[in-house]
Amino acid sequence: MAKKKKYKVPPQKASSSVPKVAKVVQKNKPKAAVVAPEPTFIFGRINYIYMLIGAACLAIGLALMSGGAMPDPDTWDDSLIYSFRRITLAPMIMIVGLILLIIAIFKRK
């Protein structure tokens, strides 16, 4: 068997004012808590209000265009299909709804 070498420990310098303190090492340091950034929305409150009003205008316009069934299949009534409500009013309300949706998308907060 080989002989073990003996190592000499160098003498410590004595400091008179600072006491010797054992160094504490934490092996499992707690990680810093990850704080999620506050969510930022693309649109503001006014934008969503305009979008809801625009969508409601589109739904009203589609409802105004519906119908037009003939009560008697043997007769043709132009006033049921080509009425002011279906030809003029409903498309104008739908165009207003589309314009409101476009404004809601492009308006800044």
PDB file of N, CA and C in Angstrom:
ATOM      1  N   MET A   1       0.817  -1.176   0.000  1.00  0.00           N
ATOM      2  CA  MET A   1       0.000   0.000   0.000  1.00  0.00           C
ATOM      3  C   MET A   1       0.858   1.235   0.000  1.00  0.00           C
ATOM      4  N   ALA A   2       0.284   2.191  -0.687  1.00  0.00           N
ATOM      5  CA  ALA A   2       1.012   3.455  -0.767  1.00  0.00           C
ATOM      6  C   ALA A   2       0.755   4.272   0.480  1.00  0.00           C
ATOM      7  N   LYS A   3       1.741   5.023   0.850  1.00  0.00           N
ATOM      8  CA  LYS A   3       1.609   5.863   2.022  1.00  0.00           C
ATOM      9  C   LYS A   3       0.811   7.108   1.668  1.00  0.00           C
ATOM     10  N   LYS A   4      -0.026   7.555   2.607  1.00  0.00           N
ATOM     11  CA  LYS A   4      -0.795   8.773   2.403  1.00  0.00           C
ATOM     12  C   LYS A   4       0.082   9.955   2.712  1.00  0.00           C
ATOM     13  N   LYS A   5      -0.067  10.974   1.837  1.00  0.00           N
ATOM     14  CA  LYS A   5       0.703  12.183   2.078  1.00  0.00           C
ATOM     15  C   LYS A   5      -0.014  13.047   3.099  1.00  0.00           C
ATOM     16  N   LYS A   6       0.738  13.660   3.950  1.00  0.00           N
ATOM     17  CA  LYS A   6       0.182  14.571   4.925  1.00  0.00           C
ATOM     18  C   LYS A   6       0.365  15.985   4.407  1.00  0.00           C
ATOM     19  N   TYR A   7      -0.731  16.716   4.393  1.00  0.00           N
ATOM     20  CA  TYR A   7      -0.679  18.105   3.949  1.00  0.00           C
ATOM     21  C   TYR A   7      -0.667  19.017   5.146  1.00  0.00           C
ATOM     22  N   LYS A   8       0.098  20.058   5.008  1.00  0.00           N
ATOM     23  CA  LYS A   8       0.157  21.036   6.076  1.00  0.00           C
ATOM     24  C   LYS A   8      -0.859  22.135   5.793  1.00  0.00           C
ATOM     25  N   VAL A   9      -1.603  22.535   6.777  1.00  0.00           N
ATOM     26  CA  VAL A   9      -2.572  23.610   6.653  1.00  0.00           C
ATOM     27  C   VAL A   9      -1.844  24.908   6.933  1.00  0.00           C
ATOM     28  N   PRO A  10      -1.940  25.862   5.993  1.00  0.00           N
ATOM     29  CA  PRO A  10      -1.254  27.139   6.240  1.00  0.00           C
ATOM     30  C   PRO A  10      -1.896  27.858   7.421  1.00  0.00           C
ATOM     31  N   PRO A  11      -1.109  28.554   8.182  1.00  0.00           N
ATOM     32  CA  PRO A  11      -1.645  29.244   9.354  1.00  0.00           C
ATOM     33  C   PRO A  11      -2.585  30.381   8.934  1.00  0.00           C
ATOM     34  N   GLN A  12      -3.645  30.569   9.671  1.00  0.00           N
ATOM     35  CA  GLN A  12      -4.630  31.627   9.405  1.00  0.00           C
ATOM     36  C   GLN A  12      -4.092  32.939   9.934  1.00  0.00           C
ATOM     37  N   LYS A  13      -4.394  34.003   9.169  1.00  0.00           N
ATOM     38  CA  LYS A  13      -4.022  35.327   9.649  1.00  0.00           C
ATOM     39  C   LYS A  13      -5.056  35.756  10.676  1.00  0.00           C
ATOM     40  N   ALA A  14      -4.608  36.210  11.738  1.00  0.00           N
ATOM     41  CA  ALA A  14      -5.507  36.627  12.803  1.00  0.00           C
ATOM     42  C   ALA A  14      -5.902  38.072  12.571  1.00  0.00           C
ATOM     43  N   SER A  15      -7.199  38.325  12.535  1.00  0.00           N
ATOM     44  CA  SER A  15      -7.671  39.711  12.433  1.00  0.00           C
ATOM     45  C   SER A  15      -8.355  40.028  13.751  1.00  0.00           C
ATOM     46  N   SER A  16      -8.007  41.117  14.293  1.00  0.00           N
ATOM     47  CA  SER A  16      -8.470  41.438  15.632  1.00  0.00           C
ATOM     48  C   SER A  16      -9.894  41.989  15.642  1.00  0.00           C
ATOM     49  N   SER A  17     -10.324  42.705  14.581  1.00  0.00           N
ATOM     50  CA  SER A  17     -11.626  43.365  14.627  1.00  0.00           C
ATOM     51  C   SER A  17     -12.763  42.518  14.044  1.00  0.00           C
ATOM     52  N   VAL A  18     -12.479  41.608  13.117  1.00  0.00           N
ATOM     53  CA  VAL A  18     -13.525  40.841  12.458  1.00  0.00           C
ATOM     54  C   VAL A  18     -13.532  39.430  13.018  1.00  0.00           C
ATOM     55  N   PRO A  19     -14.644  39.002  13.605  1.00  0.00           N
ATOM     56  CA  PRO A  19     -14.680  37.636  14.103  1.00  0.00           C
ATOM     57  C   PRO A  19     -14.852  36.657  12.947  1.00  0.00           C
ATOM     58  N   LYS A  20     -14.383  35.469  13.144  1.00  0.00           N
ATOM     59  CA  LYS A  20     -14.502  34.456  12.106  1.00  0.00           C
ATOM     60  C   LYS A  20     -15.897  33.868  12.174  1.00  0.00           C
ATOM     61  N   VAL A  21     -16.566  33.879  10.997  1.00  0.00           N
ATOM     62  CA  VAL A  21     -17.928  33.376  10.917  1.00  0.00           C
ATOM     63  C   VAL A  21     -17.963  32.296   9.856  1.00  0.00           C
ATOM     64  N   ALA A  22     -18.665  31.241  10.160  1.00  0.00           N
ATOM     65  CA  ALA A  22     -18.776  30.168   9.185  1.00  0.00           C
ATOM     66  C   ALA A  22     -19.673  30.637   8.043  1.00  0.00           C
ATOM     67  N   LYS A  23     -19.284  30.313   6.837  1.00  0.00           N
ATOM     68  CA  LYS A  23     -20.043  30.710   5.655  1.00  0.00           C
ATOM     69  C   LYS A  23     -21.156  29.691   5.433  1.00  0.00           C
ATOM     70  N   VAL A  24     -22.407  30.189   5.332  1.00  0.00           N
ATOM     71  CA  VAL A  24     -23.556  29.321   5.131  1.00  0.00           C
ATOM     72  C   VAL A  24     -23.887  29.336   3.643  1.00  0.00           C
ATOM     73  N   VAL A  25     -23.925  28.155   3.087  1.00  0.00           N
ATOM     74  CA  VAL A  25     -24.220  28.031   1.661  1.00  0.00           C
ATOM     75  C   VAL A  25     -25.546  27.300   1.517  1.00  0.00           C
ATOM     76  N   GLN A  26     -26.478  27.926   0.780  1.00  0.00           N
ATOM     77  CA  GLN A  26     -27.744  27.262   0.497  1.00  0.00           C
ATOM     78  C   GLN A  26     -27.623  26.580  -0.847  1.00  0.00           C
ATOM     79  N   LYS A  27     -27.878  25.293  -0.838  1.00  0.00           N
ATOM     80  CA  LYS A  27     -27.785  24.572  -2.099  1.00  0.00           C
ATOM     81  C   LYS A  27     -29.038  24.776  -2.948  1.00  0.00           C
ATOM     82  N   ASN A  28     -30.174  24.804  -2.331  1.00  0.00           N
ATOM     83  CA  ASN A  28     -31.429  24.974  -3.058  1.00  0.00           C
ATOM     84  C   ASN A  28     -31.964  26.377  -2.801  1.00  0.00           C
ATOM     85  N   LYS A  29     -31.456  27.323  -3.529  1.00  0.00           N
ATOM     86  CA  LYS A  29     -31.927  28.691  -3.363  1.00  0.00           C
ATOM     87  C   LYS A  29     -33.298  28.825  -4.013  1.00  0.00           C
ATOM     88  N   PRO A  30     -34.216  29.496  -3.343  1.00  0.00           N
ATOM     89  CA  PRO A  30     -35.530  29.687  -3.974  1.00  0.00           C
ATOM     90  C   PRO A  30     -35.398  30.637  -5.167  1.00  0.00           C
ATOM     91  N   LYS A  31     -36.064  30.257  -6.246  1.00  0.00           N
ATOM     92  CA  LYS A  31     -35.988  31.083  -7.446  1.00  0.00           C
ATOM     93  C   LYS A  31     -36.904  32.277  -7.279  1.00  0.00           C
ATOM     94  N   ALA A  32     -36.559  33.341  -7.952  1.00  0.00           N
ATOM     95  CA  ALA A  32     -37.375  34.543  -7.882  1.00  0.00           C
ATOM     96  C   ALA A  32     -38.723  34.274  -8.539  1.00  0.00           C
ATOM     97  N   ALA A  33     -39.755  34.820  -7.963  1.00  0.00           N
ATOM     98  CA  ALA A  33     -41.106  34.624  -8.499  1.00  0.00           C
ATOM     99  C   ALA A  33     -41.221  35.344  -9.830  1.00  0.00           C
ATOM    100  N   VAL A  34     -41.770  34.652 -10.801  1.00  0.00           N
ATOM    101  CA  VAL A  34     -41.950  35.240 -12.120  1.00  0.00           C
ATOM    102  C   VAL A  34     -43.258  36.011 -12.107  1.00  0.00           C
ATOM    103  N   VAL A  35     -43.162  37.286 -12.376  1.00  0.00           N
ATOM    104  CA  VAL A  35     -44.340  38.141 -12.377  1.00  0.00           C
ATOM    105  C   VAL A  35     -44.792  38.296 -13.818  1.00  0.00           C
ATOM    106  N   ALA A  36     -46.023  37.900 -14.086  1.00  0.00           N
ATOM    107  CA  ALA A  36     -46.556  38.007 -15.440  1.00  0.00           C
ATOM    108  C   ALA A  36     -46.851  39.466 -15.743  1.00  0.00           C
ATOM    109  N   PRO A  37     -46.531  39.907 -16.953  1.00  0.00           N
ATOM    110  CA  PRO A  37     -46.833  41.300 -17.292  1.00  0.00           C
ATOM    111  C   PRO A  37     -48.340  41.508 -17.372  1.00  0.00           C
ATOM    112  N   GLU A  38     -48.746  42.719 -17.075  1.00  0.00           N
ATOM    113  CA  GLU A  38     -50.171  43.041 -17.121  1.00  0.00           C
ATOM    114  C   GLU A  38     -50.653  42.952 -18.562  1.00  0.00           C
ATOM    115  N   PRO A  39     -51.773  42.280 -18.801  1.00  0.00           N
ATOM    116  CA  PRO A  39     -52.227  42.122 -20.187  1.00  0.00           C
ATOM    117  C   PRO A  39     -52.628  43.464 -20.800  1.00  0.00           C
ATOM    118  N   THR A  40     -52.223  43.638 -22.022  1.00  0.00           N
ATOM    119  CA  THR A  40     -52.611  44.848 -22.735  1.00  0.00           C
ATOM    120  C   THR A  40     -53.540  44.441 -23.857  1.00  0.00           C
ATOM    121  N   PHE A  41     -54.646  45.125 -23.957  1.00  0.00           N
ATOM    122  CA  PHE A  41     -55.639  44.813 -24.965  1.00  0.00           C
ATOM    123  C   PHE A  41     -55.405  45.669 -26.198  1.00  0.00           C
ATOM    124  N   ILE A  42     -55.732  45.115 -27.348  1.00  0.00           N
ATOM    125  CA  ILE A  42     -55.543  45.841 -28.596  1.00  0.00           C
ATOM    126  C   ILE A  42     -56.550  46.964 -28.711  1.00  0.00           C
ATOM    127  N   PHE A  43     -57.788  46.675 -28.320  1.00  0.00           N
ATOM    128  CA  PHE A  43     -58.854  47.652 -28.447  1.00  0.00           C
ATOM    129  C   PHE A  43     -59.251  48.179 -27.078  1.00  0.00           C
ATOM    130  N   GLY A  44     -59.758  49.403 -27.064  1.00  0.00           N
ATOM    131  CA  GLY A  44     -60.262  49.997 -25.837  1.00  0.00           C
ATOM    132  C   GLY A  44     -61.750  49.737 -25.684  1.00  0.00           C
ATOM    133  N   ARG A  45     -62.325  50.307 -24.653  1.00  0.00           N
ATOM    134  CA  ARG A  45     -63.740  50.081 -24.365  1.00  0.00           C
ATOM    135  C   ARG A  45     -64.624  50.657 -25.461  1.00  0.00           C
ATOM    136  N   ILE A  46     -64.297  51.840 -25.952  1.00  0.00           N
ATOM    137  CA  ILE A  46     -65.094  52.482 -27.002  1.00  0.00           C
ATOM    138  C   ILE A  46     -65.084  51.628 -28.271  1.00  0.00           C
ATOM    139  N   ASN A  47     -63.949  51.027 -28.579  1.00  0.00           N
ATOM    140  CA  ASN A  47     -63.866  50.168 -29.760  1.00  0.00           C
ATOM    141  C   ASN A  47     -64.853  49.006 -29.668  1.00  0.00           C
ATOM    142  N   TYR A  48     -64.918  48.379 -28.510  1.00  0.00           N
ATOM    143  CA  TYR A  48     -65.832  47.256 -28.342  1.00  0.00           C
ATOM    144  C   TYR A  48     -67.296  47.707 -28.402  1.00  0.00           C
ATOM    145  N   ILE A  49     -67.577  48.894 -27.896  1.00  0.00           N
ATOM    146  CA  ILE A  49     -68.948  49.418 -27.982  1.00  0.00           C
ATOM    147  C   ILE A  49     -69.325  49.638 -29.438  1.00  0.00           C
ATOM    148  N   TYR A  50     -68.413  50.235 -30.212  1.00  0.00           N
ATOM    149  CA  TYR A  50     -68.686  50.431 -31.650  1.00  0.00           C
ATOM    150  C   TYR A  50     -68.866  49.093 -32.366  1.00  0.00           C
ATOM    151  N   MET A  51     -68.062  48.105 -31.980  1.00  0.00           N
ATOM    152  CA  MET A  51     -68.192  46.788 -32.613  1.00  0.00           C
ATOM    153  C   MET A  51     -69.550  46.156 -32.317  1.00  0.00           C
ATOM    154  N   LEU A  52     -70.010  46.270 -31.075  1.00  0.00           N
ATOM    155  CA  LEU A  52     -71.309  45.706 -30.722  1.00  0.00           C
ATOM    156  C   LEU A  52     -72.444  46.414 -31.458  1.00  0.00           C
ATOM    157  N   ILE A  53     -72.359  47.742 -31.553  1.00  0.00           N
ATOM    158  CA  ILE A  53     -73.398  48.490 -32.267  1.00  0.00           C
ATOM    159  C   ILE A  53     -73.378  48.118 -33.749  1.00  0.00           C
ATOM    160  N   GLY A  54     -72.179  47.995 -34.342  1.00  0.00           N
ATOM    161  CA  GLY A  54     -72.068  47.603 -35.745  1.00  0.00           C
ATOM    162  C   GLY A  54     -72.615  46.216 -36.001  1.00  0.00           C
ATOM    163  N   ALA A  55     -72.301  45.281 -35.109  1.00  0.00           N
ATOM    164  CA  ALA A  55     -72.817  43.917 -35.274  1.00  0.00           C
ATOM    165  C   ALA A  55     -74.338  43.892 -35.115  1.00  0.00           C
ATOM    166  N   ALA A  56     -74.870  44.715 -34.208  1.00  0.00           N
ATOM    167  CA  ALA A  56     -76.320  44.790 -34.038  1.00  0.00           C
ATOM    168  C   ALA A  56     -76.976  45.369 -35.286  1.00  0.00           C
ATOM    169  N   CYS A  57     -76.347  46.372 -35.900  1.00  0.00           N
ATOM    170  CA  CYS A  57     -76.884  46.941 -37.152  1.00  0.00           C
ATOM    171  C   CYS A  57     -76.901  45.894 -38.260  1.00  0.00           C
ATOM    172  N   LEU A  58     -75.854  45.092 -38.346  1.00  0.00           N
ATOM    173  CA  LEU A  58     -75.835  44.031 -39.355  1.00  0.00           C
ATOM    174  C   LEU A  58     -76.947  43.012 -39.110  1.00  0.00           C
ATOM    175  N   ALA A  59     -77.151  42.642 -37.859  1.00  0.00           N
ATOM    176  CA  ALA A  59     -78.199  41.665 -37.547  1.00  0.00           C
ATOM    177  C   ALA A  59     -79.588  42.242 -37.840  1.00  0.00           C
ATOM    178  N   ILE A  60     -79.795  43.512 -37.524  1.00  0.00           N
ATOM    179  CA  ILE A  60     -81.089  44.152 -37.804  1.00  0.00           C
ATOM    180  C   ILE A  60     -81.321  44.232 -39.307  1.00  0.00           C
ATOM    181  N   GLY A  61     -80.275  44.582 -40.062  1.00  0.00           N
ATOM    182  CA  GLY A  61     -80.396  44.659 -41.513  1.00  0.00           C
ATOM    183  C   GLY A  61     -80.748  43.315 -42.131  1.00  0.00           C
ATOM    184  N   LEU A  62     -80.116  42.254 -41.638  1.00  0.00           N
ATOM    185  CA  LEU A  62     -80.438  40.923 -42.154  1.00  0.00           C
ATOM    186  C   LEU A  62     -81.871  40.513 -41.790  1.00  0.00           C
ATOM    187  N   ALA A  63     -82.299  40.887 -40.600  1.00  0.00           N
ATOM    188  CA  ALA A  63     -83.667  40.560 -40.197  1.00  0.00           C
ATOM    189  C   ALA A  63     -84.686  41.322 -41.049  1.00  0.00           C
ATOM    190  N   LEU A  64     -84.356  42.570 -41.404  1.00  0.00           N
ATOM    191  CA  LEU A  64     -85.264  43.356 -42.239  1.00  0.00           C
ATOM    192  C   LEU A  64     -85.348  42.801 -43.662  1.00  0.00           C
ATOM    193  N   MET A  65     -84.289  42.166 -44.120  1.00  0.00           N
ATOM    194  CA  MET A  65     -84.300  41.601 -45.473  1.00  0.00           C
ATOM    195  C   MET A  65     -85.016  40.254 -45.540  1.00  0.00           C
ATOM    196  N   SER A  66     -85.232  39.618 -44.435  1.00  0.00           N
ATOM    197  CA  SER A  66     -85.821  38.276 -44.451  1.00  0.00           C
ATOM    198  C   SER A  66     -87.303  38.329 -44.803  1.00  0.00           C
ATOM    199  N   GLY A  67     -87.845  37.183 -45.093  1.00  0.00           N
ATOM    200  CA  GLY A  67     -89.261  37.072 -45.431  1.00  0.00           C
ATOM    201  C   GLY A  67     -89.463  37.110 -46.933  1.00  0.00           C
ATOM    202  N   GLY A  68     -90.662  37.469 -47.348  1.00  0.00           N
ATOM    203  CA  GLY A  68     -90.955  37.592 -48.768  1.00  0.00           C
ATOM    204  C   GLY A  68     -91.608  36.378 -49.366  1.00  0.00           C
ATOM    205  N   ALA A  69     -92.081  35.485 -48.541  1.00  0.00           N
ATOM    206  CA  ALA A  69     -92.751  34.307 -49.079  1.00  0.00           C
ATOM    207  C   ALA A  69     -94.147  34.704 -49.569  1.00  0.00           C
ATOM    208  N   MET A  70     -94.538  34.176 -50.678  1.00  0.00           N
ATOM    209  CA  MET A  70     -95.858  34.472 -51.246  1.00  0.00           C
ATOM    210  C   MET A  70     -96.934  33.691 -50.484  1.00  0.00           C
ATOM    211  N   PRO A  71     -98.013  34.361 -50.117  1.00  0.00           N
ATOM    212  CA  PRO A  71     -99.069  33.630 -49.405  1.00  0.00           C
ATOM    213  C   PRO A  71     -99.766  32.595 -50.292  1.00  0.00           C
ATOM    214  N   ASP A  72     -99.863  32.910 -51.570  1.00  0.00           N
ATOM    215  CA  ASP A  72    -100.503  31.978 -52.507  1.00  0.00           C
ATOM    216  C   ASP A  72     -99.474  31.647 -53.579  1.00  0.00           C
ATOM    217  N   PRO A  73     -99.103  30.387 -53.777  1.00  0.00           N
ATOM    218  CA  PRO A  73     -98.082  30.046 -54.767  1.00  0.00           C
ATOM    219  C   PRO A  73     -98.499  30.339 -56.210  1.00  0.00           C
ATOM    220  N   ASP A  74     -99.782  30.545 -56.477  1.00  0.00           N
ATOM    221  CA  ASP A  74    -100.232  30.791 -57.847  1.00  0.00           C
ATOM    222  C   ASP A  74    -100.186  32.264 -58.227  1.00  0.00           C
ATOM    223  N   THR A  75    -100.033  33.166 -57.265  1.00  0.00           N
ATOM    224  CA  THR A  75    -100.009  34.605 -57.577  1.00  0.00           C
ATOM    225  C   THR A  75     -98.644  35.193 -57.239  1.00  0.00           C
ATOM    226  N   TRP A  76     -98.256  36.192 -57.998  1.00  0.00           N
ATOM    227  CA  TRP A  76     -96.983  36.892 -57.795  1.00  0.00           C
ATOM    228  C   TRP A  76     -97.299  38.305 -57.335  1.00  0.00           C
ATOM    229  N   ASP A  77     -96.734  38.681 -56.189  1.00  0.00           N
ATOM    230  CA  ASP A  77     -96.968  40.014 -55.641  1.00  0.00           C
ATOM    231  C   ASP A  77     -95.621  40.721 -55.536  1.00  0.00           C
ATOM    232  N   ASP A  78     -95.426  41.745 -56.395  1.00  0.00           N
ATOM    233  CA  ASP A  78     -94.159  42.485 -56.400  1.00  0.00           C
ATOM    234  C   ASP A  78     -93.934  43.261 -55.107  1.00  0.00           C
ATOM    235  N   SER A  79     -94.994  43.700 -54.486  1.00  0.00           N
ATOM    236  CA  SER A  79     -94.836  44.539 -53.295  1.00  0.00           C
ATOM    237  C   SER A  79     -94.239  43.767 -52.113  1.00  0.00           C
ATOM    238  N   LEU A  80     -94.343  42.448 -52.102  1.00  0.00           N
ATOM    239  CA  LEU A  80     -93.762  41.669 -51.009  1.00  0.00           C
ATOM    240  C   LEU A  80     -92.242  41.568 -51.139  1.00  0.00           C
ATOM    241  N   ILE A  81     -91.760  41.382 -52.332  1.00  0.00           N
ATOM    242  CA  ILE A  81     -90.317  41.205 -52.521  1.00  0.00           C
ATOM    243  C   ILE A  81     -89.604  42.542 -52.739  1.00  0.00           C
ATOM    244  N   TYR A  82     -90.172  43.401 -53.555  1.00  0.00           N
ATOM    245  CA  TYR A  82     -89.513  44.659 -53.890  1.00  0.00           C
ATOM    246  C   TYR A  82     -90.070  45.804 -53.058  1.00  0.00           C
ATOM    247  N   SER A  83     -90.105  45.643 -51.769  1.00  0.00           N
ATOM    248  CA  SER A  83     -90.621  46.685 -50.892  1.00  0.00           C
ATOM    249  C   SER A  83     -89.484  47.620 -50.475  1.00  0.00           C
ATOM    250  N   PHE A  84     -89.861  48.782 -49.968  1.00  0.00           N
ATOM    251  CA  PHE A  84     -88.875  49.766 -49.495  1.00  0.00           C
ATOM    252  C   PHE A  84     -88.011  49.172 -48.390  1.00  0.00           C
ATOM    253  N   ARG A  85     -88.616  48.389 -47.522  1.00  0.00           N
ATOM    254  CA  ARG A  85     -87.888  47.801 -46.403  1.00  0.00           C
ATOM    255  C   ARG A  85     -86.770  46.884 -46.876  1.00  0.00           C
ATOM    256  N   ARG A  86     -87.016  46.043 -47.865  1.00  0.00           N
ATOM    257  CA  ARG A  86     -86.020  45.070 -48.321  1.00  0.00           C
ATOM    258  C   ARG A  86     -85.023  45.661 -49.305  1.00  0.00           C
ATOM    259  N   ILE A  87     -85.446  46.596 -50.133  1.00  0.00           N
ATOM    260  CA  ILE A  87     -84.583  47.124 -51.194  1.00  0.00           C
ATOM    261  C   ILE A  87     -83.757  48.311 -50.720  1.00  0.00           C
ATOM    262  N   THR A  88     -84.277  49.138 -49.828  1.00  0.00           N
ATOM    263  CA  THR A  88     -83.587  50.375 -49.465  1.00  0.00           C
ATOM    264  C   THR A  88     -83.160  50.403 -48.002  1.00  0.00           C
ATOM    265  N   LEU A  89     -84.084  50.197 -47.091  1.00  0.00           N
ATOM    266  CA  LEU A  89     -83.816  50.380 -45.663  1.00  0.00           C
ATOM    267  C   LEU A  89     -82.802  49.364 -45.125  1.00  0.00           C
ATOM    268  N   ALA A  90     -83.013  48.096 -45.390  1.00  0.00           N
ATOM    269  CA  ALA A  90     -82.126  47.054 -44.853  1.00  0.00           C
ATOM    270  C   ALA A  90     -80.683  47.187 -45.353  1.00  0.00           C
ATOM    271  N   PRO A  91     -80.436  47.420 -46.652  1.00  0.00           N
ATOM    272  CA  PRO A  91     -79.038  47.598 -47.072  1.00  0.00           C
ATOM    273  C   PRO A  91     -78.378  48.842 -46.479  1.00  0.00           C
ATOM    274  N   MET A  92     -79.149  49.905 -46.288  1.00  0.00           N
ATOM    275  CA  MET A  92     -78.565  51.112 -45.683  1.00  0.00           C
ATOM    276  C   MET A  92     -78.165  50.860 -44.235  1.00  0.00           C
ATOM    277  N   ILE A  93     -78.992  50.135 -43.495  1.00  0.00           N
ATOM    278  CA  ILE A  93     -78.659  49.815 -42.102  1.00  0.00           C
ATOM    279  C   ILE A  93     -77.440  48.890 -42.052  1.00  0.00           C
ATOM    280  N   MET A  94     -77.329  47.965 -42.994  1.00  0.00           N
ATOM    281  CA  MET A  94     -76.158  47.076 -43.025  1.00  0.00           C
ATOM    282  C   MET A  94     -74.892  47.846 -43.378  1.00  0.00           C
ATOM    283  N   ILE A  95     -74.983  48.812 -44.273  1.00  0.00           N
ATOM    284  CA  ILE A  95     -73.807  49.630 -44.613  1.00  0.00           C
ATOM    285  C   ILE A  95     -73.375  50.459 -43.413  1.00  0.00           C
ATOM    286  N   VAL A  96     -74.338  51.004 -42.663  1.00  0.00           N
ATOM    287  CA  VAL A  96     -73.999  51.742 -41.440  1.00  0.00           C
ATOM    288  C   VAL A  96     -73.285  50.812 -40.456  1.00  0.00           C
ATOM    289  N   GLY A  97     -73.759  49.579 -40.327  1.00  0.00           N
ATOM    290  CA  GLY A  97     -73.106  48.612 -39.439  1.00  0.00           C
ATOM    291  C   GLY A  97     -71.681  48.291 -39.873  1.00  0.00           C
ATOM    292  N   LEU A  98     -71.468  48.128 -41.163  1.00  0.00           N
ATOM    293  CA  LEU A  98     -70.106  47.869 -41.660  1.00  0.00           C
ATOM    294  C   LEU A  98     -69.192  49.067 -41.427  1.00  0.00           C
ATOM    295  N   ILE A  99     -69.706  50.259 -41.625  1.00  0.00           N
ATOM    296  CA  ILE A  99     -68.898  51.461 -41.382  1.00  0.00           C
ATOM    297  C   ILE A  99     -68.533  51.557 -39.898  1.00  0.00           C
ATOM    298  N   LEU A 100     -69.475  51.255 -39.019  1.00  0.00           N
ATOM    299  CA  LEU A 100     -69.174  51.266 -37.586  1.00  0.00           C
ATOM    300  C   LEU A 100     -68.123  50.221 -37.218  1.00  0.00           C
ATOM    301  N   LEU A 101     -68.177  49.065 -37.837  1.00  0.00           N
ATOM    302  CA  LEU A 101     -67.153  48.049 -37.568  1.00  0.00           C
ATOM    303  C   LEU A 101     -65.777  48.507 -38.047  1.00  0.00           C
ATOM    304  N   ILE A 102     -65.718  49.131 -39.194  1.00  0.00           N
ATOM    305  CA  ILE A 102     -64.440  49.644 -39.705  1.00  0.00           C
ATOM    306  C   ILE A 102     -63.897  50.734 -38.798  1.00  0.00           C
ATOM    307  N   ILE A 103     -64.779  51.629 -38.341  1.00  0.00           N
ATOM    308  CA  ILE A 103     -64.349  52.679 -37.425  1.00  0.00           C
ATOM    309  C   ILE A 103     -63.838  52.068 -36.118  1.00  0.00           C
ATOM    310  N   ALA A 104     -64.531  51.041 -35.619  1.00  0.00           N
ATOM    311  CA  ALA A 104     -64.121  50.398 -34.375  1.00  0.00           C
ATOM    312  C   ALA A 104     -62.743  49.747 -34.502  1.00  0.00           C
ATOM    313  N   ILE A 105     -62.443  49.219 -35.655  1.00  0.00           N
ATOM    314  CA  ILE A 105     -61.145  48.554 -35.834  1.00  0.00           C
ATOM    315  C   ILE A 105     -60.017  49.572 -35.948  1.00  0.00           C
ATOM    316  N   PHE A 106     -60.246  50.645 -36.679  1.00  0.00           N
ATOM    317  CA  PHE A 106     -59.159  51.595 -36.930  1.00  0.00           C
ATOM    318  C   PHE A 106     -59.035  52.702 -35.893  1.00  0.00           C
ATOM    319  N   LYS A 107     -60.021  52.870 -35.015  1.00  0.00           N
ATOM    320  CA  LYS A 107     -59.947  53.919 -33.998  1.00  0.00           C
ATOM    321  C   LYS A 107     -58.915  53.539 -32.950  1.00  0.00           C
ATOM    322  N   ARG A 108     -58.103  54.504 -32.584  1.00  0.00           N
ATOM    323  CA  ARG A 108     -57.100  54.258 -31.540  1.00  0.00           C
ATOM    324  C   ARG A 108     -57.755  54.348 -30.170  1.00  0.00           C
ATOM    325  N   LYS A 109     -57.074  53.774 -29.181  1.00  0.00           N
ATOM    326  CA  LYS A 109     -57.617  53.761 -27.821  1.00  0.00           C
ATOM    327  C   LYS A 109     -57.917  55.139 -27.385  1.00  0.00           C
TER     328      LYS A 109
END
